[in-house]
Amino acid sequence: MLIFKLLQVRNYLFALFAISLLSCGAPKSFIKTGDGSWTSVPIRSDIEKERAWDEAVDILARKFEMEMLNKESKYARTGWVYNWNKKGIYSQKYRVRATIKLSPSGENLDLKSEAQYGGQSGWKSGFDDRLLQTLKTDISGVIGRVAR
């Protein structure tokens, strides 16, 4: 009988441990890949390249600290952000950043979302789909072509 009770306690503790591991996982918007994910926003024909670039940078800078900004090559990247989650709480285990660049033709603004999960002991790389879709929606609303 004692062995049976010990096995029950062991199974109970194992279940609690497994649940705690699952609840501390990456956000649902994290997609594990080797690299970030790119998408494009077609720029309206009535907007000049320079203005489209300035508007996109302004949208990005309102949400994030800029780490790299090269106006000449039309490339910008944010620093890592540790509170991009639904609660807005700082986390050392999940971080995101965004990159934008103007396509060589100037007809599209390319967006990239990068995300890492795990912490200093070993980051797993991928992208954050919620970040990518949020940026695409925000930027499309200002400079994007309307699909018909």
N, C-alpha and C. Protein backbone atom coordinates (compact mmCIF):
# COMPACT_ATOMS: atom_id res chain seq x y z
N MET A 1 0.82 -1.20 0.00
CA MET A 1 0.00 0.00 0.00
C MET A 1 0.86 1.26 0.00
N LEU A 2 1.95 1.24 0.75
CA LEU A 2 2.85 2.38 0.84
C LEU A 2 3.49 2.66 -0.53
N ILE A 3 3.87 1.61 -1.22
CA ILE A 3 4.49 1.78 -2.54
C ILE A 3 3.48 2.40 -3.51
N PHE A 4 2.24 1.95 -3.40
CA PHE A 4 1.19 2.50 -4.25
C PHE A 4 1.02 4.00 -3.99
N LYS A 5 1.01 4.42 -2.74
CA LYS A 5 0.87 5.84 -2.38
C LYS A 5 2.08 6.64 -2.88
N LEU A 6 3.28 6.07 -2.74
CA LEU A 6 4.48 6.76 -3.22
C LEU A 6 4.44 6.94 -4.73
N LEU A 7 3.95 5.94 -5.45
CA LEU A 7 3.83 6.05 -6.90
C LEU A 7 2.81 7.12 -7.28
N GLN A 8 1.72 7.21 -6.53
CA GLN A 8 0.72 8.24 -6.79
C GLN A 8 1.31 9.63 -6.58
N VAL A 9 2.04 9.81 -5.50
CA VAL A 9 2.67 11.10 -5.20
C VAL A 9 3.69 11.44 -6.29
N ARG A 10 4.48 10.45 -6.69
CA ARG A 10 5.48 10.67 -7.73
C ARG A 10 4.81 11.09 -9.04
N ASN A 11 3.73 10.41 -9.41
CA ASN A 11 3.01 10.75 -10.64
C ASN A 11 2.39 12.14 -10.56
N TYR A 12 1.87 12.47 -9.38
CA TYR A 12 1.29 13.80 -9.17
C TYR A 12 2.36 14.89 -9.32
N LEU A 13 3.52 14.67 -8.70
CA LEU A 13 4.61 15.65 -8.80
C LEU A 13 5.12 15.77 -10.24
N PHE A 14 5.20 14.66 -10.93
CA PHE A 14 5.63 14.68 -12.32
C PHE A 14 4.65 15.48 -13.18
N ALA A 15 3.36 15.29 -12.94
CA ALA A 15 2.33 16.02 -13.69
C ALA A 15 2.43 17.52 -13.42
N LEU A 16 2.63 17.90 -12.16
CA LEU A 16 2.79 19.32 -11.82
C LEU A 16 4.01 19.92 -12.51
N PHE A 17 5.11 19.16 -12.51
CA PHE A 17 6.33 19.62 -13.17
C PHE A 17 6.10 19.81 -14.67
N ALA A 18 5.44 18.86 -15.30
CA ALA A 18 5.16 18.95 -16.74
C ALA A 18 4.27 20.16 -17.05
N ILE A 19 3.26 20.38 -16.23
CA ILE A 19 2.37 21.53 -16.44
C ILE A 19 3.13 22.83 -16.28
N SER A 20 4.01 22.90 -15.28
CA SER A 20 4.77 24.13 -15.08
C SER A 20 5.72 24.40 -16.26
N LEU A 21 6.28 23.36 -16.84
CA LEU A 21 7.14 23.54 -18.01
C LEU A 21 6.34 24.05 -19.20
N LEU A 22 5.16 23.50 -19.41
CA LEU A 22 4.34 23.92 -20.54
C LEU A 22 3.83 25.34 -20.37
N SER A 23 3.53 25.74 -19.17
CA SER A 23 3.00 27.09 -18.96
C SER A 23 4.07 28.15 -19.09
N CYS A 24 5.33 27.78 -19.02
CA CYS A 24 6.43 28.74 -19.15
C CYS A 24 6.96 28.78 -20.57
N GLY A 25 6.23 28.25 -21.52
CA GLY A 25 6.70 28.15 -22.89
C GLY A 25 6.68 29.46 -23.63
N ALA A 26 7.12 29.40 -24.86
CA ALA A 26 7.14 30.58 -25.72
C ALA A 26 5.72 31.03 -26.02
N PRO A 27 5.55 32.31 -26.33
CA PRO A 27 4.21 32.79 -26.72
C PRO A 27 3.70 32.05 -27.95
N LYS A 28 2.38 32.00 -28.10
CA LYS A 28 1.78 31.31 -29.24
C LYS A 28 2.20 31.94 -30.57
N SER A 29 2.56 33.21 -30.54
CA SER A 29 2.94 33.91 -31.77
C SER A 29 4.37 33.59 -32.22
N PHE A 30 5.13 32.87 -31.38
CA PHE A 30 6.51 32.50 -31.73
C PHE A 30 6.51 31.33 -32.69
N ILE A 31 7.17 31.50 -33.83
CA ILE A 31 7.31 30.44 -34.83
C ILE A 31 8.80 30.11 -34.93
N LYS A 32 9.15 28.91 -34.54
CA LYS A 32 10.56 28.51 -34.53
C LYS A 32 11.04 28.24 -35.95
N THR A 33 12.03 29.00 -36.38
CA THR A 33 12.69 28.81 -37.67
C THR A 33 14.16 29.13 -37.48
N GLY A 34 14.96 28.93 -38.50
CA GLY A 34 16.37 29.27 -38.40
C GLY A 34 16.62 30.76 -38.47
N ASP A 35 15.70 31.49 -39.04
CA ASP A 35 15.88 32.92 -39.26
C ASP A 35 14.53 33.60 -39.11
N GLY A 36 14.53 34.91 -39.20
CA GLY A 36 13.28 35.64 -39.13
C GLY A 36 12.45 35.43 -40.38
N SER A 37 11.34 36.10 -40.44
CA SER A 37 10.44 35.96 -41.58
C SER A 37 10.21 37.32 -42.23
N TRP A 38 10.31 37.38 -43.54
CA TRP A 38 10.11 38.61 -44.30
C TRP A 38 8.73 38.62 -44.95
N THR A 39 8.17 39.81 -45.06
CA THR A 39 6.96 40.03 -45.83
C THR A 39 7.10 41.40 -46.48
N SER A 40 6.27 41.70 -47.44
CA SER A 40 6.38 42.98 -48.16
C SER A 40 5.07 43.74 -48.13
N VAL A 41 5.20 45.06 -48.13
CA VAL A 41 4.06 45.96 -48.25
C VAL A 41 4.24 46.70 -49.57
N PRO A 42 3.36 46.49 -50.55
CA PRO A 42 3.44 47.26 -51.80
C PRO A 42 3.12 48.73 -51.50
N ILE A 43 3.97 49.62 -51.99
CA ILE A 43 3.81 51.05 -51.71
C ILE A 43 2.91 51.68 -52.77
N ARG A 44 1.98 52.53 -52.29
CA ARG A 44 1.09 53.24 -53.22
C ARG A 44 1.91 54.06 -54.22
N SER A 45 1.43 54.13 -55.43
CA SER A 45 2.16 54.83 -56.49
C SER A 45 2.18 56.35 -56.29
N ASP A 46 1.27 56.90 -55.50
CA ASP A 46 1.24 58.35 -55.29
C ASP A 46 2.17 58.81 -54.15
N ILE A 47 2.91 57.87 -53.55
CA ILE A 47 3.84 58.23 -52.48
C ILE A 47 5.27 58.10 -52.98
N GLU A 48 6.06 59.14 -52.78
CA GLU A 48 7.48 59.10 -53.16
C GLU A 48 8.22 58.14 -52.25
N LYS A 49 9.30 57.55 -52.78
CA LYS A 49 10.11 56.59 -52.01
C LYS A 49 10.57 57.18 -50.68
N GLU A 50 11.06 58.40 -50.73
CA GLU A 50 11.59 59.05 -49.54
C GLU A 50 10.52 59.20 -48.45
N ARG A 51 9.34 59.61 -48.87
CA ARG A 51 8.25 59.78 -47.90
C ARG A 51 7.81 58.44 -47.34
N ALA A 52 7.70 57.42 -48.20
CA ALA A 52 7.32 56.08 -47.75
C ALA A 52 8.31 55.58 -46.70
N TRP A 53 9.59 55.78 -46.97
CA TRP A 53 10.64 55.36 -46.03
C TRP A 53 10.49 56.10 -44.69
N ASP A 54 10.33 57.41 -44.76
CA ASP A 54 10.21 58.22 -43.54
C ASP A 54 8.99 57.80 -42.71
N GLU A 55 7.88 57.54 -43.37
CA GLU A 55 6.66 57.12 -42.66
C GLU A 55 6.87 55.76 -41.98
N ALA A 56 7.50 54.84 -42.68
CA ALA A 56 7.73 53.50 -42.11
C ALA A 56 8.67 53.58 -40.91
N VAL A 57 9.71 54.36 -41.02
CA VAL A 57 10.65 54.53 -39.89
C VAL A 57 9.93 55.16 -38.71
N ASP A 58 9.07 56.14 -38.97
CA ASP A 58 8.33 56.79 -37.90
C ASP A 58 7.44 55.79 -37.16
N ILE A 59 6.76 54.92 -37.88
CA ILE A 59 5.91 53.90 -37.25
C ILE A 59 6.75 52.97 -36.39
N LEU A 60 7.88 52.54 -36.91
CA LEU A 60 8.76 51.64 -36.17
C LEU A 60 9.34 52.32 -34.92
N ALA A 61 9.76 53.57 -35.07
CA ALA A 61 10.38 54.29 -33.95
C ALA A 61 9.38 54.61 -32.84
N ARG A 62 8.11 54.66 -33.16
CA ARG A 62 7.09 54.90 -32.12
C ARG A 62 6.90 53.69 -31.22
N LYS A 63 7.23 52.52 -31.73
CA LYS A 63 7.04 51.28 -30.97
C LYS A 63 8.33 50.76 -30.35
N PHE A 64 9.48 51.06 -30.97
CA PHE A 64 10.75 50.45 -30.58
C PHE A 64 11.88 51.47 -30.57
N GLU A 65 12.94 51.13 -29.83
CA GLU A 65 14.19 51.89 -29.91
C GLU A 65 14.91 51.44 -31.18
N MET A 66 15.43 52.39 -31.93
CA MET A 66 16.14 52.05 -33.16
C MET A 66 17.60 51.71 -32.82
N GLU A 67 18.07 50.58 -33.33
CA GLU A 67 19.44 50.15 -33.11
C GLU A 67 20.32 50.53 -34.30
N MET A 68 19.76 50.41 -35.49
CA MET A 68 20.51 50.71 -36.71
C MET A 68 19.58 51.42 -37.68
N LEU A 69 20.05 52.52 -38.23
CA LEU A 69 19.24 53.29 -39.18
C LEU A 69 20.17 53.84 -40.24
N ASN A 70 19.99 53.38 -41.49
CA ASN A 70 20.81 53.84 -42.58
C ASN A 70 19.88 54.40 -43.66
N LYS A 71 19.75 55.72 -43.65
CA LYS A 71 18.83 56.37 -44.59
C LYS A 71 19.29 56.21 -46.04
N GLU A 72 20.59 56.17 -46.23
CA GLU A 72 21.15 56.04 -47.58
C GLU A 72 20.77 54.70 -48.23
N SER A 73 20.91 53.62 -47.49
CA SER A 73 20.58 52.30 -48.04
C SER A 73 19.14 51.89 -47.74
N LYS A 74 18.41 52.75 -47.00
CA LYS A 74 17.01 52.48 -46.64
C LYS A 74 16.88 51.17 -45.89
N TYR A 75 17.65 51.06 -44.81
CA TYR A 75 17.65 49.88 -43.96
C TYR A 75 17.57 50.33 -42.50
N ALA A 76 16.69 49.70 -41.72
CA ALA A 76 16.57 50.04 -40.30
C ALA A 76 16.27 48.77 -39.51
N ARG A 77 16.83 48.72 -38.31
CA ARG A 77 16.58 47.58 -37.42
C ARG A 77 16.43 48.09 -36.00
N THR A 78 15.49 47.51 -35.28
CA THR A 78 15.28 47.89 -33.88
C THR A 78 16.21 47.08 -32.99
N GLY A 79 16.34 47.51 -31.75
CA GLY A 79 17.02 46.71 -30.75
C GLY A 79 16.07 45.62 -30.27
N TRP A 80 16.60 44.69 -29.48
CA TRP A 80 15.77 43.64 -28.93
C TRP A 80 14.82 44.23 -27.89
N VAL A 81 13.57 43.77 -27.94
CA VAL A 81 12.54 44.20 -27.00
C VAL A 81 12.12 42.98 -26.19
N TYR A 82 12.09 43.14 -24.87
CA TYR A 82 11.82 42.01 -23.97
C TYR A 82 10.42 42.03 -23.38
N ASN A 83 9.56 42.93 -23.84
CA ASN A 83 8.20 42.98 -23.29
C ASN A 83 7.13 42.89 -24.38
N TRP A 84 7.45 42.26 -25.50
CA TRP A 84 6.47 42.08 -26.57
C TRP A 84 5.68 40.81 -26.28
N ASN A 85 4.74 40.94 -25.38
CA ASN A 85 3.86 39.84 -25.05
C ASN A 85 2.51 40.45 -24.70
N LYS A 86 1.51 39.62 -24.57
CA LYS A 86 0.15 40.15 -24.39
C LYS A 86 0.00 40.94 -23.10
N LYS A 87 0.81 40.66 -22.10
CA LYS A 87 0.71 41.36 -20.83
C LYS A 87 1.64 42.57 -20.77
N GLY A 88 2.59 42.68 -21.72
CA GLY A 88 3.53 43.78 -21.71
C GLY A 88 4.54 43.71 -20.57
N ILE A 89 4.76 42.51 -20.06
CA ILE A 89 5.64 42.30 -18.91
C ILE A 89 7.04 41.93 -19.42
N TYR A 90 8.05 42.51 -18.79
CA TYR A 90 9.44 42.22 -19.13
C TYR A 90 9.74 40.74 -18.90
N SER A 91 10.41 40.13 -19.87
CA SER A 91 10.79 38.72 -19.76
C SER A 91 12.20 38.53 -20.30
N GLN A 92 13.04 37.87 -19.53
CA GLN A 92 14.40 37.58 -20.00
C GLN A 92 14.44 36.37 -20.93
N LYS A 93 13.31 35.70 -21.11
CA LYS A 93 13.28 34.47 -21.90
C LYS A 93 12.70 34.65 -23.29
N TYR A 94 12.20 35.84 -23.61
CA TYR A 94 11.61 36.05 -24.94
C TYR A 94 11.90 37.48 -25.39
N ARG A 95 12.39 37.58 -26.62
CA ARG A 95 12.69 38.91 -27.15
C ARG A 95 12.40 38.95 -28.65
N VAL A 96 12.08 40.14 -29.12
CA VAL A 96 11.77 40.34 -30.54
C VAL A 96 12.48 41.60 -31.04
N ARG A 97 12.65 41.66 -32.35
CA ARG A 97 13.10 42.88 -33.00
C ARG A 97 12.57 42.88 -34.43
N ALA A 98 12.60 44.06 -35.04
CA ALA A 98 12.05 44.21 -36.40
C ALA A 98 13.07 44.88 -37.29
N THR A 99 13.01 44.55 -38.56
CA THR A 99 13.86 45.15 -39.58
C THR A 99 12.98 45.59 -40.72
N ILE A 100 13.29 46.75 -41.29
CA ILE A 100 12.61 47.19 -42.51
C ILE A 100 13.66 47.60 -43.52
N LYS A 101 13.32 47.42 -44.79
CA LYS A 101 14.20 47.90 -45.86
C LYS A 101 13.34 48.18 -47.09
N LEU A 102 13.76 49.15 -47.83
CA LEU A 102 13.07 49.48 -49.08
C LEU A 102 13.63 48.58 -50.16
N SER A 103 12.76 47.98 -50.95
CA SER A 103 13.22 47.10 -52.03
C SER A 103 14.02 47.93 -53.04
N PRO A 104 14.93 47.31 -53.79
CA PRO A 104 15.73 48.06 -54.76
C PRO A 104 14.89 48.84 -55.78
N SER A 105 13.73 48.31 -56.14
CA SER A 105 12.86 49.00 -57.10
C SER A 105 12.13 50.18 -56.45
N GLY A 106 12.04 50.17 -55.13
CA GLY A 106 11.30 51.20 -54.41
C GLY A 106 9.80 50.99 -54.44
N GLU A 107 9.36 49.85 -54.93
CA GLU A 107 7.92 49.57 -55.03
C GLU A 107 7.37 48.88 -53.79
N ASN A 108 8.25 48.30 -52.97
CA ASN A 108 7.83 47.56 -51.77
C ASN A 108 8.67 47.96 -50.58
N LEU A 109 8.04 47.89 -49.42
CA LEU A 109 8.78 48.01 -48.18
C LEU A 109 8.79 46.61 -47.58
N ASP A 110 9.99 46.08 -47.37
CA ASP A 110 10.13 44.73 -46.81
C ASP A 110 10.23 44.81 -45.30
N LEU A 111 9.53 43.90 -44.61
CA LEU A 111 9.49 43.85 -43.15
C LEU A 111 9.97 42.49 -42.69
N LYS A 112 10.72 42.49 -41.60
CA LYS A 112 11.20 41.23 -41.03
C LYS A 112 10.97 41.25 -39.52
N SER A 113 10.48 40.16 -39.02
CA SER A 113 10.30 39.96 -37.58
C SER A 113 11.27 38.87 -37.15
N GLU A 114 12.00 39.14 -36.08
CA GLU A 114 12.86 38.12 -35.48
C GLU A 114 12.44 37.94 -34.03
N ALA A 115 12.51 36.72 -33.55
CA ALA A 115 12.19 36.44 -32.16
C ALA A 115 13.13 35.36 -31.66
N GLN A 116 13.44 35.44 -30.39
CA GLN A 116 14.24 34.41 -29.75
C GLN A 116 13.60 34.05 -28.42
N TYR A 117 13.61 32.75 -28.14
CA TYR A 117 13.03 32.25 -26.91
C TYR A 117 14.05 31.36 -26.20
N GLY A 118 14.13 31.47 -24.90
CA GLY A 118 14.97 30.56 -24.13
C GLY A 118 15.84 31.24 -23.10
N GLY A 119 16.44 32.35 -23.43
CA GLY A 119 17.31 33.03 -22.49
C GLY A 119 18.78 32.79 -22.78
N GLN A 120 19.60 33.35 -21.92
CA GLN A 120 21.06 33.31 -22.11
C GLN A 120 21.62 31.90 -22.19
N SER A 121 20.95 30.94 -21.60
CA SER A 121 21.44 29.56 -21.61
C SER A 121 21.28 28.89 -22.97
N GLY A 122 20.55 29.51 -23.88
CA GLY A 122 20.38 28.93 -25.21
C GLY A 122 19.16 29.47 -25.91
N TRP A 123 19.35 30.44 -26.77
CA TRP A 123 18.24 31.04 -27.51
C TRP A 123 17.82 30.14 -28.65
N LYS A 124 16.51 30.01 -28.85
CA LYS A 124 15.94 29.34 -30.03
C LYS A 124 15.42 30.45 -30.93
N SER A 125 15.82 30.44 -32.18
CA SER A 125 15.49 31.53 -33.10
C SER A 125 14.25 31.23 -33.91
N GLY A 126 13.58 32.31 -34.28
CA GLY A 126 12.39 32.22 -35.11
C GLY A 126 11.86 33.60 -35.39
N PHE A 127 10.54 33.71 -35.51
CA PHE A 127 9.92 35.02 -35.70
C PHE A 127 8.63 35.08 -34.91
N ASP A 128 8.16 36.30 -34.69
CA ASP A 128 6.91 36.51 -33.97
C ASP A 128 5.86 36.94 -34.98
N ASP A 129 4.89 36.06 -35.20
CA ASP A 129 3.85 36.31 -36.20
C ASP A 129 2.98 37.51 -35.83
N ARG A 130 2.71 37.70 -34.55
CA ARG A 130 1.89 38.84 -34.12
C ARG A 130 2.61 40.15 -34.40
N LEU A 131 3.93 40.19 -34.15
CA LEU A 131 4.71 41.39 -34.45
C LEU A 131 4.71 41.66 -35.95
N LEU A 132 4.94 40.64 -36.75
CA LEU A 132 4.99 40.81 -38.20
C LEU A 132 3.66 41.32 -38.74
N GLN A 133 2.56 40.74 -38.28
CA GLN A 133 1.24 41.16 -38.76
C GLN A 133 0.87 42.56 -38.26
N THR A 134 1.26 42.90 -37.03
CA THR A 134 1.00 44.23 -36.49
C THR A 134 1.72 45.29 -37.30
N LEU A 135 3.01 45.07 -37.56
CA LEU A 135 3.78 46.04 -38.35
C LEU A 135 3.24 46.15 -39.77
N LYS A 136 2.91 45.02 -40.37
CA LYS A 136 2.39 45.04 -41.74
C LYS A 136 1.09 45.83 -41.81
N THR A 137 0.21 45.61 -40.85
CA THR A 137 -1.07 46.33 -40.82
C THR A 137 -0.84 47.83 -40.62
N ASP A 138 0.00 48.18 -39.65
CA ASP A 138 0.26 49.59 -39.36
C ASP A 138 0.89 50.32 -40.55
N ILE A 139 1.88 49.70 -41.15
CA ILE A 139 2.59 50.33 -42.27
C ILE A 139 1.71 50.35 -43.52
N SER A 140 0.99 49.26 -43.77
CA SER A 140 0.08 49.23 -44.93
C SER A 140 -0.97 50.33 -44.84
N GLY A 141 -1.44 50.62 -43.65
CA GLY A 141 -2.44 51.64 -43.47
C GLY A 141 -1.98 53.04 -43.82
N VAL A 142 -0.67 53.25 -43.81
CA VAL A 142 -0.12 54.58 -44.10
C VAL A 142 0.42 54.68 -45.53
N ILE A 143 1.17 53.67 -45.97
CA ILE A 143 1.82 53.78 -47.29
C ILE A 143 1.41 52.69 -48.29
N GLY A 144 0.63 51.71 -47.83
CA GLY A 144 0.34 50.57 -48.67
C GLY A 144 -0.73 50.78 -49.72
N ARG A 145 -0.61 50.00 -50.80
CA ARG A 145 -1.63 49.98 -51.83
C ARG A 145 -2.84 49.23 -51.33
N VAL A 146 -4.00 49.65 -51.77
CA VAL A 146 -5.24 48.97 -51.41
C VAL A 146 -5.48 47.85 -52.43
N ALA A 147 -5.66 46.64 -51.92
CA ALA A 147 -5.94 45.51 -52.81
C ALA A 147 -7.41 45.57 -53.24
N ARG A 148 -7.65 45.32 -54.53
CA ARG A 148 -9.03 45.34 -55.04
C ARG A 148 -9.43 44.00 -55.51
